[in-house]
Protein backbone atom coordinates (compact mmCIF):
# COMPACT_ATOMS: atom_id res chain seq x y z
CA MET A 1 -26.87 3.67 -0.96
CA MET A 2 -23.33 4.46 -0.18
CA LYS A 3 -20.99 5.34 2.67
CA SER A 4 -18.65 7.83 4.27
CA LYS A 5 -15.59 7.44 6.35
CA LEU A 6 -12.22 8.77 7.44
CA LEU A 7 -10.82 10.56 4.46
CA ASN A 8 -8.67 13.49 3.45
CA SER A 9 -8.49 15.23 6.85
CA LEU A 10 -9.52 14.90 10.47
CA ILE A 11 -12.36 17.36 9.98
CA LEU A 12 -14.21 14.85 7.83
CA THR A 13 -13.46 11.96 10.16
CA ALA A 14 -16.44 9.64 10.48
CA LEU A 15 -18.20 11.54 7.73
CA ALA A 16 -16.39 10.63 4.52
CA VAL A 17 -14.16 7.85 2.43
CA PRO A 18 -11.39 5.97 4.30
CA GLY A 19 -8.00 7.56 4.23
CA VAL A 20 -4.76 8.00 6.07
CA ALA A 21 -3.30 11.32 7.23
CA MET A 22 0.08 10.61 8.82
CA ALA A 23 2.56 13.24 9.94
CA ALA A 24 6.23 12.66 9.23
CA ASP A 25 7.00 12.00 12.93
CA ALA A 26 3.84 9.96 13.63
CA PRO A 27 4.09 6.29 14.65
CA PRO A 28 3.82 3.82 11.73
CA VAL A 29 0.61 2.27 13.11
CA THR A 30 -2.29 4.29 14.48
CA ALA A 31 -5.86 3.53 15.45
CA ASN A 32 -9.07 5.53 15.62
CA ILE A 33 -12.49 5.05 17.16
CA GLY A 34 -15.51 7.29 16.92
CA PHE A 35 -19.24 7.85 17.08
CA VAL A 36 -21.42 9.67 14.55
CA SER A 37 -25.11 10.50 14.87
CA ASN A 38 -25.80 9.71 11.19
CA TYR A 39 -23.34 7.85 8.95
CA VAL A 40 -23.40 9.70 5.61
CA PHE A 41 -21.32 8.72 2.57
CA ARG A 42 -21.33 10.85 -0.57
CA GLY A 43 -24.47 12.54 0.71
CA ILE A 44 -26.44 9.30 1.26
CA THR A 45 -27.18 7.95 4.75
CA GLN A 46 -25.82 4.47 5.42
CA THR A 47 -27.68 4.00 8.70
CA VAL A 48 -31.12 5.33 7.66
CA GLY A 49 -30.48 8.42 9.78
CA LYS A 50 -29.38 6.50 12.87
CA PRO A 51 -26.05 6.55 14.80
CA ALA A 52 -22.95 4.50 14.05
CA VAL A 53 -19.86 3.38 15.92
CA GLN A 54 -16.79 3.40 13.70
CA GLY A 55 -13.07 2.74 13.90
CA GLY A 56 -9.98 1.45 12.18
CA PHE A 57 -6.23 0.89 12.00
CA ASP A 58 -3.75 2.59 9.66
CA TYR A 59 -0.15 1.83 8.74
CA ALA A 60 2.03 4.51 7.11
CA HIS A 61 5.62 4.21 5.89
CA ALA A 62 8.04 7.11 5.55
CA SER A 63 8.12 6.47 1.78
CA GLY A 64 4.47 7.48 1.52
CA PHE A 65 2.98 3.98 1.32
CA TYR A 66 -0.05 3.37 3.54
CA ALA A 67 -2.61 0.66 4.22
CA GLY A 68 -5.50 0.23 6.57
CA VAL A 69 -8.83 -1.19 7.58
CA TRP A 70 -11.94 0.69 8.74
CA GLY A 71 -15.35 -0.47 9.93
CA SER A 72 -18.83 0.79 10.79
CA ASN A 73 -22.29 -0.54 11.48
CA ILE A 74 -24.71 0.01 8.56
CA SER A 75 -28.36 -0.70 7.74
CA TRP A 76 -28.84 0.48 4.15
CA ILE A 77 -28.50 -2.96 2.51
CA THR A 78 -31.36 -4.65 4.34
CA GLY A 79 -33.19 -1.33 4.31
CA SER A 80 -33.11 -1.31 0.50
CA GLY A 81 -34.81 -4.67 0.05
CA SER A 82 -32.13 -7.33 0.59
CA THR A 83 -33.12 -10.27 2.77
CA GLY A 84 -30.78 -11.75 5.36
CA ASP A 85 -28.36 -10.32 7.88
CA VAL A 86 -25.72 -7.72 6.98
CA SER A 87 -24.98 -4.92 9.42
CA LEU A 88 -21.22 -4.37 9.19
CA GLU A 89 -19.06 -2.55 6.65
CA ALA A 90 -15.34 -3.40 6.80
CA ASP A 91 -13.21 -1.53 4.26
CA THR A 92 -9.62 -2.29 3.31
CA TYR A 93 -7.37 0.10 1.41
CA LEU A 94 -3.79 0.82 0.40
CA GLY A 95 -2.06 3.54 -1.52
CA PHE A 96 0.79 5.98 -1.85
CA ARG A 97 0.73 9.65 -0.92
CA ASN A 98 3.36 12.33 -0.78
CA GLY A 99 4.10 16.00 -1.37
CA PHE A 100 5.94 17.89 -4.10
CA ALA A 101 6.82 21.46 -5.05
CA GLU A 102 6.35 22.60 -1.45
CA ASP A 103 2.57 23.12 -1.25
CA PHE A 104 1.33 20.36 -3.56
CA SER A 105 0.38 16.79 -2.63
CA TYR A 106 -0.91 13.65 -4.34
CA ASP A 107 -2.56 10.40 -3.29
CA VAL A 108 -3.28 7.27 -5.36
CA GLY A 109 -4.68 3.97 -4.15
CA LEU A 110 -7.24 1.18 -4.08
CA VAL A 111 -10.15 0.63 -1.70
CA ARG A 112 -12.50 -2.32 -1.28
CA TYR A 113 -15.84 -1.80 0.44
CA ASN A 114 -16.72 -5.09 2.16
CA TYR A 115 -20.17 -5.87 3.61
CA LEU A 116 -20.07 -8.78 6.02
CA GLY A 117 -23.03 -11.10 6.43
CA SER A 118 -25.32 -13.46 4.58
CA TYR A 119 -27.93 -11.75 2.43
CA THR A 120 -29.78 -11.97 -0.88
CA PRO A 121 -30.14 -8.78 -2.99
CA PRO A 122 -33.40 -7.93 -4.79
CA ALA A 123 -33.84 -9.16 -8.37
CA GLY A 124 -31.63 -7.25 -10.79
CA TYR A 125 -29.06 -6.24 -8.17
CA VAL A 126 -25.91 -7.86 -6.76
CA LYS A 127 -24.11 -7.90 -3.44
CA ALA A 128 -22.70 -4.54 -2.40
CA ASP A 129 -18.96 -5.37 -2.22
CA THR A 130 -17.18 -2.82 -4.42
CA ASN A 131 -13.63 -2.13 -5.64
CA GLU A 132 -12.50 1.40 -6.47
CA MET A 133 -9.24 2.97 -7.51
CA TYR A 134 -8.67 6.64 -6.77
CA GLY A 135 -6.29 9.51 -7.33
CA SER A 136 -6.17 13.01 -5.91
CA ILE A 137 -4.05 16.13 -6.11
CA GLY A 138 -4.00 18.91 -3.56
CA TYR A 139 -2.69 22.41 -3.12
CA LYS A 140 -2.45 23.76 0.43
CA TRP A 141 -5.99 23.51 1.84
CA ILE A 142 -7.86 22.35 -1.27
CA SER A 143 -7.84 19.05 -3.18
CA ALA A 144 -9.61 17.26 -6.05
CA LYS A 145 -10.14 13.50 -6.14
CA LEU A 146 -11.49 11.02 -8.70
CA SER A 147 -12.70 7.53 -7.70
CA TYR A 148 -13.28 4.91 -10.42
CA ALA A 149 -15.28 1.70 -9.95
CA LEU A 150 -13.66 -1.50 -11.22
CA GLY A 151 -16.82 -3.62 -11.54
CA ASP A 152 -20.09 -4.00 -9.64
CA PHE A 153 -20.81 -0.82 -7.72
CA LEU A 154 -22.73 -0.91 -4.43
CA THR A 155 -25.40 -3.40 -5.61
CA VAL A 156 -25.49 -2.13 -9.23
CA PRO A 157 -24.09 -4.91 -11.48
CA SER A 158 -21.59 -4.38 -14.30
CA ALA A 159 -21.00 -0.74 -13.40
CA SER A 160 -17.31 -0.54 -14.26
CA GLY A 161 -16.40 3.05 -15.07
CA THR A 162 -18.78 4.58 -12.54
CA THR A 163 -17.00 7.64 -11.14
CA TYR A 164 -17.13 9.99 -8.20
CA LEU A 165 -15.43 13.35 -8.68
CA GLU A 166 -15.05 15.53 -5.61
CA VAL A 167 -13.47 18.78 -4.47
CA ASN A 168 -12.64 19.22 -0.77
CA ALA A 169 -11.40 22.19 1.22
CA SER A 170 -10.17 22.26 4.83
CA ILE A 171 -9.42 25.72 6.21
CA PRO A 172 -8.12 26.46 9.74
CA VAL A 173 -9.72 29.52 11.35
CA ALA A 174 -6.93 31.61 12.88
CA ASP A 175 -6.65 31.68 16.69
CA THR A 176 -9.74 29.51 17.24
CA GLY A 177 -8.57 25.93 16.82
CA VAL A 178 -11.58 25.42 14.54
CA THR A 179 -11.25 23.96 11.06
CA VAL A 180 -13.95 24.66 8.48
CA GLY A 181 -14.56 22.18 5.68
CA ALA A 182 -16.41 22.34 2.36
CA HIS A 183 -17.12 19.52 -0.11
CA TYR A 184 -18.77 19.08 -3.50
CA GLY A 185 -19.08 15.75 -5.31
CA LYS A 186 -20.61 14.24 -8.44
CA GLN A 187 -21.56 10.54 -8.58
CA LYS A 188 -21.91 9.35 -12.20
CA TYR A 189 -23.09 5.82 -12.94
CA LYS A 190 -21.96 3.89 -16.03
CA GLY A 191 -22.90 0.53 -17.53
CA THR A 192 -25.89 -1.22 -19.09
CA PRO A 193 -27.83 -1.77 -15.82
CA ALA A 194 -27.51 1.93 -14.95
CA ASP A 195 -28.62 2.83 -18.49
CA ALA A 196 -31.68 0.64 -17.95
CA LEU A 197 -32.55 2.60 -14.80
CA VAL A 198 -32.34 5.84 -16.79
CA ALA A 199 -34.47 4.34 -19.58
CA GLY A 200 -37.02 3.36 -16.93
CA GLY A 201 -37.33 6.96 -15.81
CA PHE A 202 -34.85 7.06 -12.92
CA ASP A 203 -31.32 8.44 -13.13
CA PRO A 204 -29.23 7.23 -10.15
CA SER A 205 -26.48 9.82 -10.78
CA TYR A 206 -26.48 12.85 -8.49
CA SER A 207 -24.46 15.65 -6.90
CA ASP A 208 -23.85 16.29 -3.21
CA TYR A 209 -22.32 18.95 -1.02
CA LYS A 210 -21.28 19.28 2.60
CA LEU A 211 -20.25 22.03 5.02
CA SER A 212 -18.54 21.16 8.29
CA ALA A 213 -16.62 22.48 11.27
CA SER A 214 -14.43 20.63 13.76
CA LYS A 215 -12.23 21.23 16.78
CA ASP A 216 -9.76 19.07 18.70
CA PHE A 217 -10.32 18.91 22.45
CA GLY A 218 -7.39 17.06 24.00
CA GLY A 219 -7.17 14.41 21.30
CA TYR A 220 -10.92 14.11 20.73
CA VAL A 221 -12.10 15.72 17.51
CA PHE A 222 -15.68 16.97 17.65
CA ALA A 223 -17.33 17.81 14.33
CA LEU A 224 -20.62 19.14 13.01
CA ALA A 225 -21.60 18.66 9.36
CA TYR A 226 -24.51 19.55 7.11
CA SER A 227 -24.96 17.64 3.84
CA ASN A 228 -27.49 17.56 1.01
CA THR A 229 -27.92 16.06 -2.48
CA ASN A 230 -30.07 16.37 -5.57
CA ALA A 231 -30.57 12.57 -5.65
CA LYS A 232 -34.00 11.78 -7.02
CA SER A 233 -36.58 10.40 -4.61
CA GLY A 234 -38.92 7.55 -5.43
CA GLY A 235 -36.28 5.10 -6.61
CA TYR A 236 -32.74 4.08 -5.80
CA TYR A 237 -32.39 6.47 -2.84
CA THR A 238 -35.78 6.06 -1.17
CA TYR A 239 -36.75 3.31 1.25
CA THR A 240 -40.36 2.19 1.55
CA SER A 241 -41.21 0.04 4.57
CA SER A 242 -43.70 -2.83 4.62
CA ALA A 243 -46.10 -0.44 6.34
CA GLY A 244 -45.84 1.97 3.43
CA SER A 245 -43.80 4.73 5.10
CA THR A 246 -40.90 6.20 3.11
CA LYS A 247 -37.48 7.59 3.99
CA ASP A 248 -35.47 9.74 1.58
CA TRP A 249 -31.84 8.73 2.05
CA GLY A 250 -30.45 11.64 0.05
CA LYS A 251 -32.25 14.48 1.83
CA SER A 252 -30.49 17.20 3.84
CA ALA A 253 -28.90 15.89 7.02
CA VAL A 254 -27.04 17.21 10.05
CA ALA A 255 -24.53 14.92 11.75
CA VAL A 256 -22.38 15.33 14.86
CA SER A 257 -19.35 13.14 15.55
CA VAL A 258 -16.48 12.60 17.93
CA VAL A 259 -13.32 10.69 16.98
CA HIS A 260 -10.27 9.77 19.02
CA SER A 261 -7.00 8.71 17.33
CA PHE A 262 -4.16 6.98 19.15
């Protein structure tokens, strides 16, 4: 029940958390638009395995300050039992990133996941809007990042302290123009409501991983990614339709995407 977006590097564009990657000589404001066959965030599909159109705007200052907005169509909220109309995610974020000691980098910031529409969550849950703070440190082609929830977390109430720890690698393949990516993450829920889920026999915490490859063709970045999780079926990550059919949102998935930045 989560999302993915532009994060860390262009290879994960349209497949991971929102982010800004601005070169020193890049214009202060840039935009991006893209298409992905399956919108996956932290290993969990946000579109129930269906395509998404995504895009956003980023501002970056020479000091390292950045801010932006990013959006995508989604279907997981109504697909998980909420009634009403909510089909758009619009995220806002700001932060500060820079380099030090030649090959090291850091990034700290805040992100708010906004879900636009009028809807009523199932009993025991809240609306999905979520605030997170995050910090990361990188060395050359590898980085580690920790995200920390500041309150309700993606429909789970009173989940302050919920964390997502991830390690990402982005490695250019010499003389090919291809970049290979690898990701591992651990989502850990905190708070009394999450404890109640565990006591009821379902632990919403899980791990995920992803392998990807991308290449830039004249300003259009094409990417292929495979992701999987150990999220438990039969509860928080499984959708059951009125007809009785089920969809496992945390199962293995292959997604293709194309993103253009300008």
